[in-house]
Structure formats: C-alpha cells, structure tokens
Amino acid sequence: MKTICVCGGLARLQYKNEQGRIKDKVVTIYNVPAYYCADCQEAFTTGSDSLRFAQRVRKAVESGAEELEF
C-alpha cells in the first residue's frame, strides 16, 4: 500500500515494532503499520492507527503486559 507524504514523496506501508510509554511503564507493540517516505526519511501512522496504538499501549499497561501485537 502507498500514500503521499507531506513532502510530496511516495510513502510505502511497513510494519514496525514501536515502544509506547505511560508514566514509567514502557511497552512494545509489535507490527504497527507505518508509512515510510524514502524522500524525506520520515515515518508516520494514520489517525486511526495512531489511536489504536494508544489503546494497545493503555491495554498493555493496565494488564501488566510488557508487549502486545497491534
């Protein structure tokens, strides 16, 4: 999948492992969809994926898990 970056370049979908934090708790969320632009070297997620990432981080912290799948 592809989308246009804010720089005007073509960004391709990749899946990355990302860390999230709530206070002093750090958790790893696996396979987070993110678009990567080779032109400006930036990675970004869509609004709905950003919201879901935050929900997954919150769920992991609340359940005491150190890692979750996206």
Protein backbone atom coordinates (compact mmCIF):
# COMPACT_ATOMS: atom_id res chain seq x y z
CA MET A 1 0.00 0.00 0.00
CA LYS A 2 1.18 3.55 -0.72
CA THR A 3 0.21 7.10 0.21
CA ILE A 4 1.57 10.58 -0.35
CA CYS A 5 3.81 12.10 2.34
CA VAL A 6 3.51 15.74 3.39
CA CYS A 7 6.76 16.40 1.49
CA GLY A 8 5.07 15.17 -1.69
CA GLY A 9 7.04 11.93 -1.86
CA LEU A 10 5.61 8.44 -2.09
CA ALA A 11 5.34 6.67 1.28
CA ARG A 12 5.13 2.89 1.45
CA LEU A 13 3.44 0.85 4.15
CA GLN A 14 5.75 -1.04 6.51
CA TYR A 15 5.18 -2.84 9.79
CA LYS A 16 7.38 -1.83 12.70
CA ASN A 17 7.77 -2.63 16.36
CA GLU A 18 7.14 0.54 18.36
CA GLN A 19 7.50 1.40 22.02
CA GLY A 20 4.88 3.33 23.94
CA ARG A 21 5.01 4.79 27.41
CA ILE A 22 2.53 5.68 30.12
CA LYS A 23 4.32 7.34 33.04
CA ASP A 24 7.19 4.99 33.94
CA LYS A 25 5.80 1.93 32.11
CA VAL A 26 7.25 1.17 28.67
CA VAL A 27 5.64 -1.44 26.42
CA THR A 28 6.44 -2.78 22.97
CA ILE A 29 3.69 -3.07 20.38
CA TYR A 30 4.58 -5.41 17.51
CA ASN A 31 3.66 -4.98 13.84
CA VAL A 32 2.41 -1.39 13.96
CA PRO A 33 1.51 -0.22 10.42
CA ALA A 34 3.52 2.88 9.49
CA TYR A 35 4.18 4.64 6.22
CA TYR A 36 7.83 5.38 5.41
CA CYS A 37 8.88 8.08 2.93
CA ALA A 38 12.24 7.44 1.26
CA ASP A 39 12.42 11.06 0.08
CA CYS A 40 12.34 12.78 3.49
CA GLN A 41 13.16 9.72 5.66
CA GLU A 42 10.05 10.23 7.81
CA ALA A 43 7.72 7.53 9.14
CA PHE A 44 4.11 8.23 10.11
CA THR A 45 0.89 6.43 11.01
CA THR A 46 -2.65 7.27 10.01
CA GLY A 47 -5.02 8.83 12.53
CA SER A 48 -6.98 5.64 13.16
CA ASP A 49 -3.79 3.58 13.57
CA SER A 50 -2.36 6.19 15.97
CA LEU A 51 -5.49 5.92 18.09
CA ARG A 52 -5.38 2.13 18.05
CA PHE A 53 -1.67 2.21 19.01
CA ALA A 54 -2.50 4.38 22.05
CA GLN A 55 -5.31 1.98 23.01
CA ARG A 56 -2.97 -1.01 22.74
CA VAL A 57 -0.35 0.72 24.92
CA ARG A 58 -3.01 1.53 27.53
CA LYS A 59 -4.30 -2.07 27.47
CA ALA A 60 -0.79 -3.48 27.90
CA VAL A 61 -0.05 -1.20 30.87
CA GLU A 62 -3.40 -1.95 32.52
CA SER A 63 -2.91 -5.72 32.16
CA GLY A 64 0.73 -5.63 33.26
CA ALA A 65 2.00 -6.89 29.88
CA GLU A 66 5.32 -5.66 28.52
CA GLU A 67 4.41 -6.37 24.90
CA LEU A 68 1.36 -6.85 22.66
CA GLU A 69 0.57 -7.36 18.99
CA PHE A 70 -1.01 -4.40 17.22
